[in-house]
Amino acid sequence: ESGLNRASARWLSSLVHVFEGRCACCKKGHRSRTDSCFSELLVSPLLALFVDGLQLRRAKLQRSMSRPWVDDQEDGESGTSGLHFFQSYVLPEKDRILPANFKFSYTDGAGRSFQEVRPLFGKLLKRAEGRGYPMLEQEYQ
């Protein structure tokens, strides 16, 4: 049989805690305070996915208010849909999945190790939930 199979929610939920692991750059060791971390590069694409989930949820709420007689199954939503996964797994753990800050470690030229807390998603999730993506996109850039 060819084609793609739907991923199980259980498998997907095991993958969402990206920031609890260490990036290759962290394992290799940052050489200075001015280095960037791969974690910081993931903010834009993961924020976009989060906002997309919010928009799907908002659209479904609007549809259900205008068509209350249509149930989830008729509307194409099943227990393994993207929206179901977002509402059941991502939203309840959003602060863990998309953390406000992260610990950045680096070594200076003299071989001394340092650690500092850097912003990651900061207040972006709250802003996304309140304002929507177009406003947030302008603010983030």
N, C-alpha and C. Protein backbone atom coordinates (compact mmCIF):
# COMPACT_ATOMS: atom_id res chain seq x y z
N GLU A 1 0.85 -1.18 0.00
CA GLU A 1 0.00 0.00 0.00
C GLU A 1 0.90 1.24 0.00
N SER A 2 0.56 2.19 -0.83
CA SER A 2 1.35 3.42 -0.89
C SER A 2 0.54 4.57 -0.31
N GLY A 3 1.22 5.67 -0.06
CA GLY A 3 0.55 6.83 0.50
C GLY A 3 0.98 7.06 1.92
N LEU A 4 0.45 8.12 2.47
CA LEU A 4 0.79 8.48 3.85
C LEU A 4 -0.27 7.98 4.81
N ASN A 5 0.18 7.54 5.95
CA ASN A 5 -0.74 7.15 7.01
C ASN A 5 -0.80 8.27 8.04
N ARG A 6 -1.95 8.41 8.67
CA ARG A 6 -2.11 9.44 9.70
C ARG A 6 -1.27 9.07 10.91
N ALA A 7 -0.52 10.03 11.41
CA ALA A 7 0.29 9.81 12.61
C ALA A 7 -0.63 9.76 13.82
N SER A 8 -0.30 8.91 14.76
CA SER A 8 -1.12 8.81 15.97
C SER A 8 -0.84 9.99 16.90
N ALA A 9 -1.84 10.38 17.63
CA ALA A 9 -1.68 11.48 18.59
C ALA A 9 -0.65 11.11 19.65
N ARG A 10 -0.60 9.85 20.01
CA ARG A 10 0.37 9.40 21.02
C ARG A 10 1.80 9.62 20.53
N TRP A 11 2.07 9.24 19.28
CA TRP A 11 3.40 9.43 18.72
C TRP A 11 3.73 10.91 18.60
N LEU A 12 2.79 11.70 18.09
CA LEU A 12 3.01 13.14 17.95
C LEU A 12 3.28 13.80 19.30
N SER A 13 2.55 13.38 20.32
CA SER A 13 2.73 14.00 21.64
C SER A 13 4.11 13.71 22.22
N SER A 14 4.76 12.64 21.74
CA SER A 14 6.11 12.34 22.22
C SER A 14 7.16 13.22 21.55
N LEU A 15 6.77 13.97 20.53
CA LEU A 15 7.72 14.78 19.77
C LEU A 15 7.66 16.28 20.06
N VAL A 16 6.66 16.73 20.77
CA VAL A 16 6.41 18.17 20.87
C VAL A 16 7.30 18.92 21.86
N HIS A 17 8.02 18.22 22.70
CA HIS A 17 8.85 18.89 23.70
C HIS A 17 10.27 19.12 23.17
N VAL A 18 10.34 19.82 22.05
CA VAL A 18 11.59 20.06 21.34
C VAL A 18 12.63 20.75 22.22
N PHE A 19 12.19 21.71 23.02
CA PHE A 19 13.13 22.53 23.78
C PHE A 19 13.62 21.87 25.07
N GLU A 20 13.16 20.66 25.33
CA GLU A 20 13.67 19.93 26.50
C GLU A 20 14.91 19.12 26.14
N GLY A 21 15.22 19.05 24.87
CA GLY A 21 16.44 18.40 24.42
C GLY A 21 17.53 19.43 24.22
N ARG A 22 18.69 18.97 23.81
CA ARG A 22 19.80 19.90 23.53
C ARG A 22 20.06 19.91 22.03
N CYS A 23 20.19 21.09 21.49
CA CYS A 23 20.51 21.24 20.07
C CYS A 23 21.96 20.84 19.83
N ALA A 24 22.27 20.56 18.58
CA ALA A 24 23.64 20.18 18.21
C ALA A 24 24.63 21.29 18.58
N CYS A 25 24.21 22.54 18.41
CA CYS A 25 25.11 23.65 18.73
C CYS A 25 25.41 23.70 20.23
N CYS A 26 24.44 23.34 21.05
CA CYS A 26 24.64 23.33 22.51
C CYS A 26 25.57 22.18 22.90
N LYS A 27 25.38 21.04 22.27
CA LYS A 27 26.25 19.89 22.56
C LYS A 27 27.69 20.18 22.16
N LYS A 28 27.84 20.83 21.03
CA LYS A 28 29.17 21.19 20.53
C LYS A 28 29.80 22.28 21.39
N GLY A 29 28.97 23.15 21.90
CA GLY A 29 29.44 24.23 22.77
C GLY A 29 29.50 25.56 22.05
N HIS A 30 28.77 26.52 22.58
CA HIS A 30 28.79 27.87 22.02
C HIS A 30 30.12 28.52 22.41
N ARG A 31 30.71 29.21 21.47
CA ARG A 31 32.05 29.78 21.68
C ARG A 31 32.06 31.18 22.27
N SER A 32 30.93 31.84 22.22
CA SER A 32 30.90 33.19 22.80
C SER A 32 29.46 33.57 23.14
N ARG A 33 29.35 34.65 23.85
CA ARG A 33 28.03 35.16 24.25
C ARG A 33 27.23 35.62 23.04
N THR A 34 27.91 36.00 21.96
CA THR A 34 27.22 36.52 20.78
C THR A 34 26.75 35.42 19.84
N ASP A 35 27.13 34.17 20.10
CA ASP A 35 26.62 33.06 19.28
C ASP A 35 25.11 32.99 19.40
N SER A 36 24.47 32.55 18.33
CA SER A 36 23.05 32.26 18.44
C SER A 36 22.89 30.76 18.58
N CYS A 37 21.75 30.36 19.08
CA CYS A 37 21.45 28.95 19.32
C CYS A 37 20.37 28.52 18.33
N PHE A 38 20.42 27.26 17.91
CA PHE A 38 19.39 26.74 17.02
C PHE A 38 18.00 26.91 17.63
N SER A 39 17.91 26.86 18.95
CA SER A 39 16.62 27.05 19.62
C SER A 39 15.99 28.37 19.22
N GLU A 40 16.81 29.40 19.14
CA GLU A 40 16.30 30.72 18.78
C GLU A 40 15.80 30.76 17.35
N LEU A 41 16.39 29.95 16.49
CA LEU A 41 15.96 29.90 15.09
C LEU A 41 14.62 29.19 14.91
N LEU A 42 14.21 28.41 15.89
CA LEU A 42 12.95 27.67 15.81
C LEU A 42 11.74 28.51 16.22
N VAL A 43 11.97 29.67 16.80
CA VAL A 43 10.85 30.47 17.31
C VAL A 43 9.86 30.84 16.20
N SER A 44 10.32 31.39 15.11
CA SER A 44 9.40 31.83 14.04
C SER A 44 8.56 30.69 13.47
N PRO A 45 9.16 29.56 13.04
CA PRO A 45 8.31 28.51 12.48
C PRO A 45 7.36 27.88 13.50
N LEU A 46 7.81 27.71 14.75
CA LEU A 46 6.92 27.11 15.75
C LEU A 46 5.84 28.09 16.19
N LEU A 47 6.15 29.36 16.22
CA LEU A 47 5.14 30.37 16.52
C LEU A 47 4.08 30.38 15.41
N ALA A 48 4.51 30.26 14.17
CA ALA A 48 3.57 30.22 13.05
C ALA A 48 2.64 29.01 13.16
N LEU A 49 3.18 27.85 13.55
CA LEU A 49 2.33 26.66 13.74
C LEU A 49 1.34 26.86 14.88
N PHE A 50 1.80 27.48 15.95
CA PHE A 50 0.92 27.75 17.09
C PHE A 50 -0.23 28.67 16.67
N VAL A 51 0.10 29.73 15.95
CA VAL A 51 -0.92 30.68 15.50
C VAL A 51 -1.87 30.01 14.52
N ASP A 52 -1.35 29.14 13.67
CA ASP A 52 -2.21 28.41 12.74
C ASP A 52 -3.22 27.56 13.52
N GLY A 53 -2.77 26.92 14.59
CA GLY A 53 -3.68 26.15 15.44
C GLY A 53 -4.74 27.03 16.07
N LEU A 54 -4.34 28.22 16.53
CA LEU A 54 -5.31 29.16 17.10
C LEU A 54 -6.35 29.57 16.06
N GLN A 55 -5.89 29.81 14.83
CA GLN A 55 -6.81 30.21 13.77
C GLN A 55 -7.77 29.09 13.41
N LEU A 56 -7.29 27.85 13.38
CA LEU A 56 -8.16 26.70 13.13
C LEU A 56 -9.23 26.59 14.22
N ARG A 57 -8.79 26.77 15.46
CA ARG A 57 -9.73 26.69 16.57
C ARG A 57 -10.77 27.79 16.50
N ARG A 58 -10.33 29.01 16.19
CA ARG A 58 -11.25 30.14 16.07
C ARG A 58 -12.26 29.92 14.94
N ALA A 59 -11.77 29.40 13.80
CA ALA A 59 -12.65 29.13 12.66
C ALA A 59 -13.67 28.06 13.01
N LYS A 60 -13.24 27.03 13.74
CA LYS A 60 -14.18 25.97 14.13
C LYS A 60 -15.23 26.51 15.09
N LEU A 61 -14.82 27.36 16.02
CA LEU A 61 -15.79 27.96 16.94
C LEU A 61 -16.82 28.80 16.19
N GLN A 62 -16.36 29.55 15.22
CA GLN A 62 -17.28 30.37 14.43
C GLN A 62 -18.22 29.50 13.63
N ARG A 63 -17.71 28.40 13.05
CA ARG A 63 -18.58 27.47 12.30
C ARG A 63 -19.60 26.83 13.21
N SER A 64 -19.17 26.42 14.40
CA SER A 64 -20.10 25.73 15.30
C SER A 64 -21.16 26.69 15.82
N MET A 65 -20.83 27.96 15.94
CA MET A 65 -21.84 28.93 16.38
C MET A 65 -22.84 29.19 15.26
N SER A 66 -22.41 29.13 14.02
CA SER A 66 -23.34 29.38 12.92
C SER A 66 -24.06 28.10 12.47
N ARG A 67 -23.50 26.93 12.81
CA ARG A 67 -24.11 25.65 12.43
C ARG A 67 -24.07 24.69 13.62
N PRO A 68 -24.80 24.96 14.69
CA PRO A 68 -24.71 24.13 15.90
C PRO A 68 -25.19 22.70 15.71
N TRP A 69 -25.91 22.42 14.64
CA TRP A 69 -26.44 21.08 14.40
C TRP A 69 -25.39 20.14 13.80
N VAL A 70 -24.26 20.67 13.33
CA VAL A 70 -23.21 19.84 12.72
C VAL A 70 -22.27 19.39 13.82
N ASP A 71 -22.13 18.06 13.97
CA ASP A 71 -21.21 17.58 15.00
C ASP A 71 -19.79 17.43 14.44
N ASP A 72 -18.86 17.14 15.30
CA ASP A 72 -17.44 17.06 14.93
C ASP A 72 -17.18 16.04 13.82
N GLN A 73 -17.82 14.90 13.88
CA GLN A 73 -17.57 13.86 12.89
C GLN A 73 -18.06 14.30 11.51
N GLU A 74 -19.23 14.92 11.44
CA GLU A 74 -19.74 15.40 10.17
C GLU A 74 -18.88 16.52 9.61
N ASP A 75 -18.27 17.27 10.49
CA ASP A 75 -17.47 18.42 10.09
C ASP A 75 -16.05 18.03 9.69
N GLY A 76 -15.78 16.72 9.66
CA GLY A 76 -14.46 16.27 9.23
C GLY A 76 -13.43 16.24 10.36
N GLU A 77 -13.83 16.47 11.58
CA GLU A 77 -12.90 16.44 12.71
C GLU A 77 -12.96 15.07 13.36
N SER A 78 -11.81 14.44 13.49
CA SER A 78 -11.76 13.17 14.19
C SER A 78 -10.77 13.30 15.33
N GLY A 79 -10.65 12.25 16.12
CA GLY A 79 -9.76 12.28 17.28
C GLY A 79 -8.29 12.46 16.93
N THR A 80 -7.94 12.29 15.68
CA THR A 80 -6.54 12.43 15.29
C THR A 80 -6.31 13.63 14.38
N SER A 81 -7.28 14.51 14.28
CA SER A 81 -7.10 15.67 13.41
C SER A 81 -6.09 16.64 14.00
N GLY A 82 -5.57 17.53 13.17
CA GLY A 82 -4.62 18.53 13.64
C GLY A 82 -5.22 19.42 14.70
N LEU A 83 -6.48 19.81 14.52
CA LEU A 83 -7.13 20.67 15.49
C LEU A 83 -7.32 19.95 16.82
N HIS A 84 -7.72 18.70 16.76
CA HIS A 84 -7.89 17.92 17.99
C HIS A 84 -6.56 17.80 18.73
N PHE A 85 -5.49 17.51 18.00
CA PHE A 85 -4.17 17.40 18.61
C PHE A 85 -3.77 18.72 19.24
N PHE A 86 -3.98 19.81 18.52
CA PHE A 86 -3.63 21.14 19.03
C PHE A 86 -4.37 21.44 20.33
N GLN A 87 -5.68 21.19 20.34
CA GLN A 87 -6.49 21.49 21.53
C GLN A 87 -6.21 20.54 22.68
N SER A 88 -5.94 19.28 22.38
CA SER A 88 -5.77 18.28 23.42
C SER A 88 -4.34 18.17 23.97
N TYR A 89 -3.36 18.45 23.14
CA TYR A 89 -1.98 18.24 23.55
C TYR A 89 -1.15 19.52 23.61
N VAL A 90 -1.30 20.39 22.63
CA VAL A 90 -0.46 21.59 22.57
C VAL A 90 -0.94 22.66 23.54
N LEU A 91 -2.20 23.04 23.48
CA LEU A 91 -2.70 24.11 24.34
C LEU A 91 -2.50 23.84 25.83
N PRO A 92 -2.82 22.65 26.31
CA PRO A 92 -2.63 22.41 27.76
C PRO A 92 -1.17 22.51 28.22
N GLU A 93 -0.22 22.26 27.31
CA GLU A 93 1.19 22.28 27.69
C GLU A 93 1.97 23.35 26.93
N LYS A 94 1.30 24.37 26.46
CA LYS A 94 1.95 25.37 25.59
C LYS A 94 3.16 26.02 26.26
N ASP A 95 3.09 26.29 27.56
CA ASP A 95 4.22 26.94 28.23
C ASP A 95 5.43 26.02 28.36
N ARG A 96 5.18 24.73 28.36
CA ARG A 96 6.28 23.76 28.39
C ARG A 96 6.81 23.50 26.98
N ILE A 97 5.91 23.41 26.02
CA ILE A 97 6.29 23.13 24.63
C ILE A 97 6.98 24.34 24.00
N LEU A 98 6.48 25.53 24.29
CA LEU A 98 7.01 26.77 23.72
C LEU A 98 7.42 27.70 24.87
N PRO A 99 8.55 27.41 25.51
CA PRO A 99 8.93 28.12 26.74
C PRO A 99 9.27 29.60 26.52
N ALA A 100 9.02 30.39 27.54
CA ALA A 100 9.30 31.82 27.48
C ALA A 100 10.80 32.08 27.39
N ASN A 101 11.61 31.28 28.08
CA ASN A 101 13.06 31.49 28.15
C ASN A 101 13.79 30.16 28.01
N PHE A 102 15.10 30.23 27.82
CA PHE A 102 15.92 29.03 27.84
C PHE A 102 17.30 29.39 28.39
N LYS A 103 18.01 28.37 28.85
CA LYS A 103 19.36 28.57 29.40
C LYS A 103 20.38 28.43 28.28
N PHE A 104 21.17 29.47 28.12
CA PHE A 104 22.22 29.51 27.10
C PHE A 104 23.57 29.41 27.79
N SER A 105 24.36 28.43 27.40
CA SER A 105 25.69 28.23 27.97
C SER A 105 26.74 28.51 26.91
N TYR A 106 27.83 29.11 27.33
CA TYR A 106 28.93 29.38 26.40
C TYR A 106 30.24 29.40 27.16
N THR A 107 31.31 29.29 26.40
CA THR A 107 32.66 29.33 26.96
C THR A 107 33.39 30.49 26.31
N ASP A 108 34.06 31.29 27.11
CA ASP A 108 34.80 32.42 26.54
C ASP A 108 36.18 31.96 26.05
N GLY A 109 36.93 32.88 25.48
CA GLY A 109 38.25 32.58 24.93
C GLY A 109 39.23 32.01 25.94
N ALA A 110 39.02 32.31 27.22
CA ALA A 110 39.91 31.82 28.27
C ALA A 110 39.47 30.45 28.81
N GLY A 111 38.39 29.90 28.24
CA GLY A 111 37.92 28.59 28.67
C GLY A 111 36.98 28.62 29.85
N ARG A 112 36.54 29.81 30.27
CA ARG A 112 35.59 29.91 31.39
C ARG A 112 34.18 29.67 30.87
N SER A 113 33.39 28.94 31.64
CA SER A 113 32.01 28.63 31.25
C SER A 113 31.04 29.60 31.91
N PHE A 114 30.03 29.97 31.14
CA PHE A 114 29.00 30.89 31.62
C PHE A 114 27.64 30.35 31.21
N GLN A 115 26.64 30.77 31.95
CA GLN A 115 25.26 30.43 31.60
C GLN A 115 24.39 31.64 31.85
N GLU A 116 23.48 31.89 30.93
CA GLU A 116 22.53 32.99 31.10
C GLU A 116 21.17 32.56 30.60
N VAL A 117 20.15 33.23 31.08
CA VAL A 117 18.79 32.97 30.63
C VAL A 117 18.49 33.93 29.50
N ARG A 118 18.04 33.37 28.38
CA ARG A 118 17.70 34.18 27.21
C ARG A 118 16.22 34.01 26.90
N PRO A 119 15.63 35.05 26.33
CA PRO A 119 14.21 34.92 25.94
C PRO A 119 14.07 33.98 24.74
N LEU A 120 12.97 33.24 24.74
CA LEU A 120 12.66 32.40 23.59
C LEU A 120 11.31 32.87 23.04
N PHE A 121 10.21 32.40 23.59
CA PHE A 121 8.90 32.86 23.14
C PHE A 121 8.40 34.05 23.95
N GLY A 122 8.99 34.25 25.12
CA GLY A 122 8.61 35.39 25.94
C GLY A 122 7.11 35.52 26.09
N LYS A 123 6.59 36.68 25.71
CA LYS A 123 5.15 36.94 25.80
C LYS A 123 4.45 36.75 24.46
N LEU A 124 5.13 36.18 23.49
CA LEU A 124 4.56 36.03 22.15
C LEU A 124 3.31 35.17 22.12
N LEU A 125 3.25 34.11 22.95
CA LEU A 125 2.07 33.25 22.94
C LEU A 125 0.84 33.99 23.42
N LYS A 126 1.00 34.76 24.48
CA LYS A 126 -0.13 35.56 25.00
C LYS A 126 -0.59 36.57 23.96
N ARG A 127 0.36 37.20 23.30
CA ARG A 127 0.02 38.18 22.26
C ARG A 127 -0.69 37.50 21.10
N ALA A 128 -0.21 36.31 20.72
CA ALA A 128 -0.82 35.58 19.62
C ALA A 128 -2.26 35.21 19.95
N GLU A 129 -2.49 34.80 21.18
CA GLU A 129 -3.84 34.42 21.59
C GLU A 129 -4.78 35.63 21.62
N GLY A 130 -4.21 36.79 21.91
CA GLY A 130 -5.05 37.98 22.01
C GLY A 130 -5.21 38.77 20.74
N ARG A 131 -4.21 38.75 19.87
CA ARG A 131 -4.23 39.64 18.72
C ARG A 131 -4.29 38.94 17.37
N GLY A 132 -3.83 37.75 17.26
CA GLY A 132 -3.76 37.10 15.96
C GLY A 132 -2.42 37.34 15.29
N TYR A 133 -2.15 36.60 14.25
CA TYR A 133 -0.83 36.58 13.66
C TYR A 133 -0.43 37.84 12.90
N PRO A 134 -1.27 38.46 12.07
CA PRO A 134 -0.77 39.61 11.31
C PRO A 134 -0.17 40.70 12.21
N MET A 135 -0.83 41.04 13.31
CA MET A 135 -0.32 42.04 14.22
C MET A 135 0.97 41.55 14.87
N LEU A 136 1.00 40.30 15.24
CA LEU A 136 2.15 39.70 15.90
C LEU A 136 3.35 39.66 14.96
N GLU A 137 3.11 39.34 13.70
CA GLU A 137 4.19 39.25 12.72
C GLU A 137 4.91 40.60 12.59
N GLN A 138 4.16 41.68 12.57
CA GLN A 138 4.76 43.01 12.48
C GLN A 138 5.56 43.30 13.75
N GLU A 139 5.03 42.92 14.89
CA GLU A 139 5.65 43.20 16.17
C GLU A 139 6.93 42.39 16.35
N TYR A 140 6.95 41.15 15.86
CA TYR A 140 8.07 40.23 16.09
C TYR A 140 9.27 40.59 15.23
N GLN A 141 9.05 41.12 14.04
CA GLN A 141 10.17 41.38 13.12
C GLN A 141 10.95 42.59 13.48
